[in-house]
């Protein structure tokens, strides 16, 4: 079975899998190499470009598309009919959850400020906030949200949970307006869907309490950037963002310099742990497909 993978590391992870013939191909708009008509299993690049997505339609035998990310918003509606789309749910939970907790602590304990003061060689003693006794609202309580909650055990916080549909201990998204005023920290982990794009708008932000912290480890498109800039400019809210809209954030964009904003370049899942688990997941999925075992993380509908 011919498998196209984006890097030599992914190809090496498939060494020794009986029946697997892995080739490193990351479509970039140039003519595809020979063999596209034989590809049955395709692993696009981590953040697939338009050419990498369009290449799927030149693979007549394609059966499975396996992403390296939990989010599949770039691929929804693009996968040819009859092809199974699988994501990497669970692979990046530890790394992303760790970033979320680090983001909360860094912002509340003023680490960005102290880093600037250290660079200026100033001993700027001051009191800071604290995570203890805070209420943390997790918007999009899936596998990463559960991983965040596990890591918050022992921090003496109250957890509120919201997901698309209600379940035990998790409120439906329709309850979100009533929960926002109670939260000291709002963590965005929801997937990109037509319902979530722009959900953090001026009305959403206005319901957040004064001094609250917004942590976005989902996608930039969930937040209306102009509305967030308005709140940050007024100093009413704070934000730690691993993702932005636009992304990459261009030089000169107001978000770079607004008070209370701390930005990392979409690196929450960029760790050796995520990389190792990603390779293990791809190998497992290929073995499942070859052996006729049901695949994991199959995406159906709008997910």
C-alpha atoms as a PDB file:
ATOM      1  CA  UNK A   1       0.000   0.000   0.000  1.00  0.00           C
ATOM      2  CA  UNK A   2       1.411   3.389  -1.007  1.00  0.00           C
ATOM      3  CA  UNK A   3       1.364   6.052   1.694  1.00  0.00           C
ATOM      4  CA  UNK A   4       2.353   9.678   1.200  1.00  0.00           C
ATOM      5  CA  UNK A   5       3.695  11.370   4.311  1.00  0.00           C
ATOM      6  CA  UNK A   6       5.028  14.921   4.768  1.00  0.00           C
ATOM      7  CA  UNK A   7       8.396  14.299   6.440  1.00  0.00           C
ATOM      8  CA  UNK A   8      11.195  11.782   6.720  1.00  0.00           C
ATOM      9  CA  UNK A   9      10.371  11.377  10.429  1.00  0.00           C
ATOM     10  CA  UNK A  10       6.859  10.185   9.628  1.00  0.00           C
ATOM     11  CA  UNK A  11       8.207   7.844   6.957  1.00  0.00           C
ATOM     12  CA  UNK A  12      10.737   6.405   9.410  1.00  0.00           C
ATOM     13  CA  UNK A  13       7.934   5.729  11.891  1.00  0.00           C
ATOM     14  CA  UNK A  14       6.394   3.384   9.315  1.00  0.00           C
ATOM     15  CA  UNK A  15       9.563   1.346   8.792  1.00  0.00           C
ATOM     16  CA  UNK A  16       8.855  -2.322   9.336  1.00  0.00           C
ATOM     17  CA  UNK A  17       5.081  -2.109   8.975  1.00  0.00           C
ATOM     18  CA  UNK A  18       4.218  -5.074   6.706  1.00  0.00           C
ATOM     19  CA  UNK A  19       2.557  -3.896   3.508  1.00  0.00           C
ATOM     20  CA  UNK A  20       3.354  -0.211   4.035  1.00  0.00           C
ATOM     21  CA  UNK A  21       5.312   1.658   1.355  1.00  0.00           C
ATOM     22  CA  UNK A  22       5.860   5.208   2.630  1.00  0.00           C
ATOM     23  CA  UNK A  23       7.074   8.035   0.414  1.00  0.00           C
ATOM     24  CA  UNK A  24       7.830  11.578   1.559  1.00  0.00           C
ATOM     25  CA  UNK A  25       5.645  13.930  -0.474  1.00  0.00           C
ATOM     26  CA  UNK A  26       4.476  17.324   0.737  1.00  0.00           C
ATOM     27  CA  UNK A  27       2.594  18.873  -2.205  1.00  0.00           C
ATOM     28  CA  UNK A  28       3.562  22.497  -2.737  1.00  0.00           C
ATOM     29  CA  UNK A  29       1.913  23.383  -6.031  1.00  0.00           C
ATOM     30  CA  UNK A  30       4.506  21.776  -8.297  1.00  0.00           C
ATOM     31  CA  UNK A  31       3.429  18.784 -10.413  1.00  0.00           C
ATOM     32  CA  UNK A  32       2.898  15.747  -8.194  1.00  0.00           C
ATOM     33  CA  UNK A  33       5.448  12.940  -8.477  1.00  0.00           C
ATOM     34  CA  UNK A  34       4.468   9.703 -10.157  1.00  0.00           C
ATOM     35  CA  UNK A  35       2.475   7.436  -7.929  1.00  0.00           C
ATOM     36  CA  UNK A  36      -0.378   9.760  -7.035  1.00  0.00           C
ATOM     37  CA  UNK A  37      -2.782   7.337  -8.684  1.00  0.00           C
ATOM     38  CA  UNK A  38      -1.606   4.583  -6.305  1.00  0.00           C
ATOM     39  CA  UNK A  39      -1.825   6.452  -2.994  1.00  0.00           C
ATOM     40  CA  UNK A  40      -4.315   4.894  -0.574  1.00  0.00           C
ATOM     41  CA  UNK A  41      -3.290   6.572   2.682  1.00  0.00           C
ATOM     42  CA  UNK A  42      -2.334  10.260   2.829  1.00  0.00           C
ATOM     43  CA  UNK A  43      -0.831  12.214   5.722  1.00  0.00           C
ATOM     44  CA  UNK A  44      -0.876  15.943   4.872  1.00  0.00           C
ATOM     45  CA  UNK A  45       1.654  18.367   6.374  1.00  0.00           C
ATOM     46  CA  UNK A  46       1.021  19.596   9.925  1.00  0.00           C
ATOM     47  CA  UNK A  47      -0.600  22.812   8.679  1.00  0.00           C
ATOM     48  CA  UNK A  48      -1.609  21.808   5.145  1.00  0.00           C
ATOM     49  CA  UNK A  49      -1.334  24.423   2.410  1.00  0.00           C
ATOM     50  CA  UNK A  50      -3.874  24.788  -0.366  1.00  0.00           C
ATOM     51  CA  UNK A  51      -1.749  22.668  -2.747  1.00  0.00           C
ATOM     52  CA  UNK A  52      -1.409  19.935  -0.111  1.00  0.00           C
ATOM     53  CA  UNK A  53      -5.180  19.898   0.293  1.00  0.00           C
ATOM     54  CA  UNK A  54      -5.953  20.031  -3.439  1.00  0.00           C
ATOM     55  CA  UNK A  55      -3.601  17.099  -4.068  1.00  0.00           C
ATOM     56  CA  UNK A  56      -6.157  14.728  -2.552  1.00  0.00           C
ATOM     57  CA  UNK A  57      -8.295  15.073  -5.653  1.00  0.00           C
ATOM     58  CA  UNK A  58      -5.471  13.687  -7.779  1.00  0.00           C
ATOM     59  CA  UNK A  59      -5.401  10.417  -5.815  1.00  0.00           C
ATOM     60  CA  UNK A  60      -8.117   8.187  -7.313  1.00  0.00           C
ATOM     61  CA  UNK A  61      -7.384   5.272  -4.945  1.00  0.00           C
ATOM     62  CA  UNK A  62      -7.251   7.407  -1.815  1.00  0.00           C
ATOM     63  CA  UNK A  63      -9.067   5.774   1.109  1.00  0.00           C
ATOM     64  CA  UNK A  64      -7.784   7.529   4.243  1.00  0.00           C
ATOM     65  CA  UNK A  65      -6.575  11.028   5.129  1.00  0.00           C
ATOM     66  CA  UNK A  66      -4.867  11.153   8.517  1.00  0.00           C
ATOM     67  CA  UNK A  67      -4.102  14.601   9.918  1.00  0.00           C
ATOM     68  CA  UNK A  68      -1.282  15.375  12.338  1.00  0.00           C
ATOM     69  CA  UNK A  69      -3.482  17.831  14.233  1.00  0.00           C
ATOM     70  CA  UNK A  70      -6.643  17.533  16.291  1.00  0.00           C
ATOM     71  CA  UNK A  71      -8.232  20.368  14.320  1.00  0.00           C
ATOM     72  CA  UNK A  72      -9.362  19.518  10.799  1.00  0.00           C
ATOM     73  CA  UNK A  73     -11.040  22.791   9.851  1.00  0.00           C
ATOM     74  CA  UNK A  74      -8.772  23.263   6.835  1.00  0.00           C
ATOM     75  CA  UNK A  75      -9.867  19.900   5.424  1.00  0.00           C
ATOM     76  CA  UNK A  76     -13.595  19.875   6.119  1.00  0.00           C
ATOM     77  CA  UNK A  77     -15.447  19.977   2.830  1.00  0.00           C
ATOM     78  CA  UNK A  78     -12.231  19.259   0.909  1.00  0.00           C
ATOM     79  CA  UNK A  79     -11.878  15.496   1.385  1.00  0.00           C
ATOM     80  CA  UNK A  80     -13.171  13.590  -1.662  1.00  0.00           C
ATOM     81  CA  UNK A  81     -16.387  11.609  -1.276  1.00  0.00           C
ATOM     82  CA  UNK A  82     -15.856   8.125   0.078  1.00  0.00           C
ATOM     83  CA  UNK A  83     -12.522   8.987   1.735  1.00  0.00           C
ATOM     84  CA  UNK A  84     -12.247   8.580   5.514  1.00  0.00           C
ATOM     85  CA  UNK A  85     -10.866  11.567   7.417  1.00  0.00           C
ATOM     86  CA  UNK A  86      -9.169  10.949  10.773  1.00  0.00           C
ATOM     87  CA  UNK A  87      -7.672  13.479  13.140  1.00  0.00           C
ATOM     88  CA  UNK A  88      -5.011  13.268  15.847  1.00  0.00           C
ATOM     89  CA  UNK A  89      -7.323  13.645  18.828  1.00  0.00           C
ATOM     90  CA  UNK A  90      -5.436  12.889  22.030  1.00  0.00           C
ATOM     91  CA  UNK A  91      -1.973  13.204  20.529  1.00  0.00           C
ATOM     92  CA  UNK A  92      -1.454  16.823  21.574  1.00  0.00           C
ATOM     93  CA  UNK A  93      -3.469  16.814  24.799  1.00  0.00           C
ATOM     94  CA  UNK A  94      -0.507  16.828  27.187  1.00  0.00           C
ATOM     95  CA  UNK A  95       1.482  19.517  25.397  1.00  0.00           C
ATOM     96  CA  UNK A  96      -1.462  21.827  24.800  1.00  0.00           C
ATOM     97  CA  UNK A  97      -2.840  21.412  28.315  1.00  0.00           C
ATOM     98  CA  UNK A  98       0.582  22.184  29.730  1.00  0.00           C
ATOM     99  CA  UNK A  99       0.730  25.372  27.645  1.00  0.00           C
ATOM    100  CA  UNK A 100      -2.713  26.416  28.900  1.00  0.00           C
ATOM    101  CA  UNK A 101      -1.741  26.040  32.551  1.00  0.00           C
ATOM    102  CA  UNK A 102       1.583  27.783  31.913  1.00  0.00           C
ATOM    103  CA  UNK A 103      -0.280  30.627  30.175  1.00  0.00           C
ATOM    104  CA  UNK A 104      -2.569  31.129  33.157  1.00  0.00           C
ATOM    105  CA  UNK A 105       0.278  31.125  35.656  1.00  0.00           C
ATOM    106  CA  UNK A 106       2.550  33.343  33.541  1.00  0.00           C
ATOM    107  CA  UNK A 107      -0.131  35.980  33.067  1.00  0.00           C
ATOM    108  CA  UNK A 108      -1.513  35.973  36.588  1.00  0.00           C
ATOM    109  CA  UNK A 109       1.965  36.029  38.150  1.00  0.00           C
ATOM    110  CA  UNK A 110       3.146  38.754  35.717  1.00  0.00           C
ATOM    111  CA  UNK A 111       6.019  36.752  34.184  1.00  0.00           C
ATOM    112  CA  UNK A 112       5.961  38.765  30.897  1.00  0.00           C
ATOM    113  CA  UNK A 113       6.335  41.975  32.909  1.00  0.00           C
ATOM    114  CA  UNK A 114       9.164  40.589  35.020  1.00  0.00           C
ATOM    115  CA  UNK A 115      10.942  39.310  31.904  1.00  0.00           C
ATOM    116  CA  UNK A 116      10.881  42.846  30.484  1.00  0.00           C
ATOM    117  CA  UNK A 117      12.106  44.257  33.766  1.00  0.00           C
ATOM    118  CA  UNK A 118      14.927  41.721  33.918  1.00  0.00           C
ATOM    119  CA  UNK A 119      15.999  42.674  30.401  1.00  0.00           C
ATOM    120  CA  UNK A 120      16.129  46.297  31.575  1.00  0.00           C
ATOM    121  CA  UNK A 121      17.982  45.259  34.760  1.00  0.00           C
ATOM    122  CA  UNK A 122      15.286  46.704  36.993  1.00  0.00           C
ATOM    123  CA  UNK A 123      14.329  45.142  40.363  1.00  0.00           C
ATOM    124  CA  UNK A 124      10.593  45.869  40.076  1.00  0.00           C
ATOM    125  CA  UNK A 125       9.015  44.326  43.141  1.00  0.00           C
ATOM    126  CA  UNK A 126       5.220  44.194  43.142  1.00  0.00           C
ATOM    127  CA  UNK A 127       2.297  42.059  44.178  1.00  0.00           C
ATOM    128  CA  UNK A 128       0.730  39.809  41.535  1.00  0.00           C
ATOM    129  CA  UNK A 129      -2.383  37.788  40.968  1.00  0.00           C
ATOM    130  CA  UNK A 130      -2.680  34.116  41.883  1.00  0.00           C
ATOM    131  CA  UNK A 131      -4.413  31.107  40.340  1.00  0.00           C
ATOM    132  CA  UNK A 132      -5.669  29.810  43.685  1.00  0.00           C
ATOM    133  CA  UNK A 133      -9.341  30.574  44.389  1.00  0.00           C
ATOM    134  CA  UNK A 134     -10.016  31.445  40.733  1.00  0.00           C
ATOM    135  CA  UNK A 135     -12.912  30.118  38.651  1.00  0.00           C
ATOM    136  CA  UNK A 136     -11.730  28.642  35.347  1.00  0.00           C
ATOM    137  CA  UNK A 137     -14.258  28.224  32.535  1.00  0.00           C
ATOM    138  CA  UNK A 138     -13.239  25.710  29.858  1.00  0.00           C
ATOM    139  CA  UNK A 139     -15.079  26.397  26.597  1.00  0.00           C
ATOM    140  CA  UNK A 140     -14.864  23.210  24.542  1.00  0.00           C
ATOM    141  CA  UNK A 141     -14.449  20.512  27.167  1.00  0.00           C
ATOM    142  CA  UNK A 142     -13.133  17.663  25.015  1.00  0.00           C
ATOM    143  CA  UNK A 143      -9.993  15.590  25.452  1.00  0.00           C
ATOM    144  CA  UNK A 144      -7.708  18.636  25.738  1.00  0.00           C
ATOM    145  CA  UNK A 145     -10.115  20.319  28.150  1.00  0.00           C
ATOM    146  CA  UNK A 146     -10.111  17.207  30.317  1.00  0.00           C
ATOM    147  CA  UNK A 147      -6.302  17.211  30.213  1.00  0.00           C
ATOM    148  CA  UNK A 148      -6.269  20.855  31.336  1.00  0.00           C
ATOM    149  CA  UNK A 149      -8.606  20.008  34.197  1.00  0.00           C
ATOM    150  CA  UNK A 150      -6.398  17.129  35.335  1.00  0.00           C
ATOM    151  CA  UNK A 151      -3.402  19.461  35.438  1.00  0.00           C
ATOM    152  CA  UNK A 152      -5.332  22.031  37.450  1.00  0.00           C
ATOM    153  CA  UNK A 153      -5.935  19.504  40.204  1.00  0.00           C
ATOM    154  CA  UNK A 154      -4.180  20.861  43.253  1.00  0.00           C
ATOM    155  CA  UNK A 155      -4.292  24.504  42.156  1.00  0.00           C
ATOM    156  CA  UNK A 156      -7.366  25.158  44.310  1.00  0.00           C
ATOM    157  CA  UNK A 157      -9.550  26.389  41.485  1.00  0.00           C
ATOM    158  CA  UNK A 158     -13.202  25.942  40.600  1.00  0.00           C
ATOM    159  CA  UNK A 159     -13.832  24.460  37.140  1.00  0.00           C
ATOM    160  CA  UNK A 160     -16.788  25.276  34.910  1.00  0.00           C
ATOM    161  CA  UNK A 161     -17.196  23.234  31.726  1.00  0.00           C
ATOM    162  CA  UNK A 162     -18.999  23.959  28.461  1.00  0.00           C
ATOM    163  CA  UNK A 163     -19.348  21.792  25.363  1.00  0.00           C
ATOM    164  CA  UNK A 164     -21.605  21.667  22.327  1.00  0.00           C
ATOM    165  CA  UNK A 165     -24.052  19.359  24.112  1.00  0.00           C
ATOM    166  CA  UNK A 166     -24.755  18.903  27.811  1.00  0.00           C
ATOM    167  CA  UNK A 167     -23.479  15.860  29.674  1.00  0.00           C
ATOM    168  CA  UNK A 168     -22.776  15.037  33.286  1.00  0.00           C
ATOM    169  CA  UNK A 169     -20.861  17.954  34.777  1.00  0.00           C
ATOM    170  CA  UNK A 170     -20.649  19.801  31.444  1.00  0.00           C
ATOM    171  CA  UNK A 171     -23.042  22.589  30.499  1.00  0.00           C
ATOM    172  CA  UNK A 172     -24.296  23.122  26.946  1.00  0.00           C
ATOM    173  CA  UNK A 173     -22.991  26.063  24.953  1.00  0.00           C
ATOM    174  CA  UNK A 174     -26.387  27.724  25.356  1.00  0.00           C
ATOM    175  CA  UNK A 175     -25.503  28.246  29.038  1.00  0.00           C
ATOM    176  CA  UNK A 176     -22.315  30.124  28.185  1.00  0.00           C
ATOM    177  CA  UNK A 177     -23.715  33.680  28.513  1.00  0.00           C
ATOM    178  CA  UNK A 178     -24.752  32.967  32.078  1.00  0.00           C
ATOM    179  CA  UNK A 179     -21.430  31.373  33.033  1.00  0.00           C
ATOM    180  CA  UNK A 180     -19.062  33.998  31.640  1.00  0.00           C
ATOM    181  CA  UNK A 181     -19.618  36.590  34.405  1.00  0.00           C
ATOM    182  CA  UNK A 182     -18.492  34.041  37.029  1.00  0.00           C
ATOM    183  CA  UNK A 183     -15.180  33.159  35.358  1.00  0.00           C
ATOM    184  CA  UNK A 184     -11.813  34.641  36.273  1.00  0.00           C
ATOM    185  CA  UNK A 185     -10.151  32.689  33.453  1.00  0.00           C
ATOM    186  CA  UNK A 186     -11.853  31.670  30.181  1.00  0.00           C
ATOM    187  CA  UNK A 187     -10.019  28.968  28.211  1.00  0.00           C
ATOM    188  CA  UNK A 188     -10.930  28.495  24.535  1.00  0.00           C
ATOM    189  CA  UNK A 189     -10.500  24.924  23.287  1.00  0.00           C
ATOM    190  CA  UNK A 190     -13.496  24.588  20.960  1.00  0.00           C
ATOM    191  CA  UNK A 191     -13.056  23.334  17.392  1.00  0.00           C
ATOM    192  CA  UNK A 192     -13.638  25.550  14.379  1.00  0.00           C
ATOM    193  CA  UNK A 193     -17.199  25.115  13.156  1.00  0.00           C
ATOM    194  CA  UNK A 194     -19.703  27.529  11.605  1.00  0.00           C
ATOM    195  CA  UNK A 195     -21.114  28.006  15.117  1.00  0.00           C
ATOM    196  CA  UNK A 196     -17.797  28.776  16.818  1.00  0.00           C
ATOM    197  CA  UNK A 197     -16.214  31.122  14.276  1.00  0.00           C
ATOM    198  CA  UNK A 198     -16.411  34.602  15.801  1.00  0.00           C
ATOM    199  CA  UNK A 199     -18.154  33.332  18.942  1.00  0.00           C
ATOM    200  CA  UNK A 200     -15.887  35.494  21.127  1.00  0.00           C
ATOM    201  CA  UNK A 201     -17.343  38.768  19.938  1.00  0.00           C
ATOM    202  CA  UNK A 202     -17.998  42.069  21.679  1.00  0.00           C
ATOM    203  CA  UNK A 203     -21.038  40.655  23.497  1.00  0.00           C
ATOM    204  CA  UNK A 204     -19.092  37.602  24.723  1.00  0.00           C
ATOM    205  CA  UNK A 205     -16.215  39.755  25.971  1.00  0.00           C
ATOM    206  CA  UNK A 206     -18.584  42.246  27.614  1.00  0.00           C
ATOM    207  CA  UNK A 207     -20.001  39.426  29.756  1.00  0.00           C
ATOM    208  CA  UNK A 208     -16.562  38.577  31.111  1.00  0.00           C
ATOM    209  CA  UNK A 209     -15.839  40.106  34.510  1.00  0.00           C
ATOM    210  CA  UNK A 210     -13.451  43.020  34.900  1.00  0.00           C
ATOM    211  CA  UNK A 211      -9.856  41.808  35.063  1.00  0.00           C
ATOM    212  CA  UNK A 212     -10.651  38.368  33.642  1.00  0.00           C
ATOM    213  CA  UNK A 213      -8.124  36.478  31.539  1.00  0.00           C
ATOM    214  CA  UNK A 214      -8.875  35.006  28.098  1.00  0.00           C
ATOM    215  CA  UNK A 215      -6.659  32.068  27.080  1.00  0.00           C
ATOM    216  CA  UNK A 216      -6.934  30.944  23.445  1.00  0.00           C
ATOM    217  CA  UNK A 217      -5.364  27.593  22.565  1.00  0.00           C
ATOM    218  CA  UNK A 218      -7.974  26.768  19.912  1.00  0.00           C
ATOM    219  CA  UNK A 219      -7.953  28.824  16.713  1.00  0.00           C
ATOM    220  CA  UNK A 220      -7.712  32.537  16.120  1.00  0.00           C
ATOM    221  CA  UNK A 221     -10.929  32.585  14.116  1.00  0.00           C
ATOM    222  CA  UNK A 222     -12.978  31.926  17.267  1.00  0.00           C
ATOM    223  CA  UNK A 223     -12.199  35.464  18.423  1.00  0.00           C
ATOM    224  CA  UNK A 224     -13.251  38.730  16.793  1.00  0.00           C
ATOM    225  CA  UNK A 225      -9.850  40.390  16.950  1.00  0.00           C
ATOM    226  CA  UNK A 226     -11.093  43.986  16.780  1.00  0.00           C
ATOM    227  CA  UNK A 227     -13.424  43.368  19.723  1.00  0.00           C
ATOM    228  CA  UNK A 228     -10.602  41.859  21.774  1.00  0.00           C
ATOM    229  CA  UNK A 229      -8.309  44.758  20.907  1.00  0.00           C
ATOM    230  CA  UNK A 230     -10.949  47.180  22.185  1.00  0.00           C
ATOM    231  CA  UNK A 231     -11.155  45.428  25.556  1.00  0.00           C
ATOM    232  CA  UNK A 232      -7.377  45.150  25.894  1.00  0.00           C
ATOM    233  CA  UNK A 233      -6.878  48.770  24.937  1.00  0.00           C
ATOM    234  CA  UNK A 234      -9.264  49.779  27.719  1.00  0.00           C
ATOM    235  CA  UNK A 235      -7.387  47.553  30.155  1.00  0.00           C
ATOM    236  CA  UNK A 236     -10.529  45.738  31.265  1.00  0.00           C
ATOM    237  CA  UNK A 237      -9.438  42.240  30.179  1.00  0.00           C
ATOM    238  CA  UNK A 238      -6.185  40.358  29.638  1.00  0.00           C
ATOM    239  CA  UNK A 239      -5.359  37.676  27.080  1.00  0.00           C
ATOM    240  CA  UNK A 240      -2.788  34.977  26.412  1.00  0.00           C
ATOM    241  CA  UNK A 241      -2.982  33.852  22.786  1.00  0.00           C
ATOM    242  CA  UNK A 242      -1.274  30.950  21.068  1.00  0.00           C
ATOM    243  CA  UNK A 243      -3.399  31.589  17.997  1.00  0.00           C
ATOM    244  CA  UNK A 244      -4.534  34.805  16.338  1.00  0.00           C
ATOM    245  CA  UNK A 245      -6.632  36.102  13.484  1.00  0.00           C
ATOM    246  CA  UNK A 246      -4.841  36.902  11.237  1.00  0.00           C
ATOM    247  CA  UNK A 247      -2.126  34.283  11.623  1.00  0.00           C
ATOM    248  CA  UNK A 248       0.785  34.698  11.513  1.00  0.00           C
ATOM    249  CA  UNK A 249       0.213  38.030  13.209  1.00  0.00           C
ATOM    250  CA  UNK A 250       1.867  40.619  10.929  1.00  0.00           C
ATOM    251  CA  UNK A 251       4.307  43.285  12.101  1.00  0.00           C
ATOM    252  CA  UNK A 252       2.531  46.446  13.123  1.00  0.00           C
ATOM    253  CA  UNK A 253      -0.677  44.715  14.209  1.00  0.00           C
ATOM    254  CA  UNK A 254      -2.074  46.372  17.352  1.00  0.00           C
ATOM    255  CA  UNK A 255      -2.254  43.086  19.273  1.00  0.00           C
ATOM    256  CA  UNK A 256       1.536  43.043  19.571  1.00  0.00           C
ATOM    257  CA  UNK A 257       1.640  46.115  21.793  1.00  0.00           C
ATOM    258  CA  UNK A 258      -1.655  46.170  23.651  1.00  0.00           C
ATOM    259  CA  UNK A 259      -1.487  46.063  27.448  1.00  0.00           C
ATOM    260  CA  UNK A 260      -2.401  42.749  29.015  1.00  0.00           C
ATOM    261  CA  UNK A 261      -1.692  40.702  25.873  1.00  0.00           C
ATOM    262  CA  UNK A 262       0.897  37.929  25.706  1.00  0.00           C
ATOM    263  CA  UNK A 263       1.341  36.028  22.439  1.00  0.00           C
ATOM    264  CA  UNK A 264       3.084  32.792  21.504  1.00  0.00           C
ATOM    265  CA  UNK A 265       3.405  31.689  17.830  1.00  0.00           C
ATOM    266  CA  UNK A 266       0.983  28.723  17.691  1.00  0.00           C
ATOM    267  CA  UNK A 267       3.483  26.502  19.481  1.00  0.00           C
ATOM    268  CA  UNK A 268       1.400  24.900  22.243  1.00  0.00           C
ATOM    269  CA  UNK A 269       1.633  21.442  20.659  1.00  0.00           C
ATOM    270  CA  UNK A 270       5.169  21.874  19.318  1.00  0.00           C
ATOM    271  CA  UNK A 271       7.008  19.636  21.759  1.00  0.00           C
ATOM    272  CA  UNK A 272       8.964  16.355  21.580  1.00  0.00           C
ATOM    273  CA  UNK A 273       6.130  14.636  23.452  1.00  0.00           C
ATOM    274  CA  UNK A 274       3.566  15.639  20.830  1.00  0.00           C
ATOM    275  CA  UNK A 275       5.966  14.683  18.026  1.00  0.00           C
ATOM    276  CA  UNK A 276       6.570  11.199  19.451  1.00  0.00           C
ATOM    277  CA  UNK A 277       2.891  10.544  20.106  1.00  0.00           C
ATOM    278  CA  UNK A 278       2.019  11.832  16.639  1.00  0.00           C
ATOM    279  CA  UNK A 279       4.360   9.322  14.995  1.00  0.00           C
ATOM    280  CA  UNK A 280       3.017   6.497  17.138  1.00  0.00           C
ATOM    281  CA  UNK A 281      -0.537   7.432  16.199  1.00  0.00           C
ATOM    282  CA  UNK A 282       0.191   7.468  12.458  1.00  0.00           C
ATOM    283  CA  UNK A 283       1.909   4.077  12.660  1.00  0.00           C
ATOM    284  CA  UNK A 284      -1.031   2.632  14.594  1.00  0.00           C
ATOM    285  CA  UNK A 285      -3.541   3.997  12.086  1.00  0.00           C
ATOM    286  CA  UNK A 286      -1.615   2.580   9.122  1.00  0.00           C
ATOM    287  CA  UNK A 287      -1.439  -0.813  10.800  1.00  0.00           C
ATOM    288  CA  UNK A 288      -5.150  -0.701  11.533  1.00  0.00           C
ATOM    289  CA  UNK A 289      -5.968   0.123   7.927  1.00  0.00           C
ATOM    290  CA  UNK A 290      -3.739  -2.600   6.502  1.00  0.00           C
ATOM    291  CA  UNK A 291      -5.125  -5.179   8.935  1.00  0.00           C
ATOM    292  CA  UNK A 292      -8.755  -4.197   8.413  1.00  0.00           C
ATOM    293  CA  UNK A 293      -9.168  -2.949  11.995  1.00  0.00           C
ATOM    294  CA  UNK A 294     -11.488   0.042  12.542  1.00  0.00           C
ATOM    295  CA  UNK A 295      -9.627   3.351  12.457  1.00  0.00           C
ATOM    296  CA  UNK A 296      -9.535   5.726  15.423  1.00  0.00           C
ATOM    297  CA  UNK A 297     -10.682   9.347  15.452  1.00  0.00           C
ATOM    298  CA  UNK A 298     -12.874   9.111  12.371  1.00  0.00           C
ATOM    299  CA  UNK A 299     -14.444  12.493  11.599  1.00  0.00           C
ATOM    300  CA  UNK A 300     -18.034  12.552  10.436  1.00  0.00           C
ATOM    301  CA  UNK A 301     -20.236  15.493   9.618  1.00  0.00           C
ATOM    302  CA  UNK A 302     -18.946  18.879  10.796  1.00  0.00           C
ATOM    303  CA  UNK A 303     -17.222  17.251  13.842  1.00  0.00           C
END
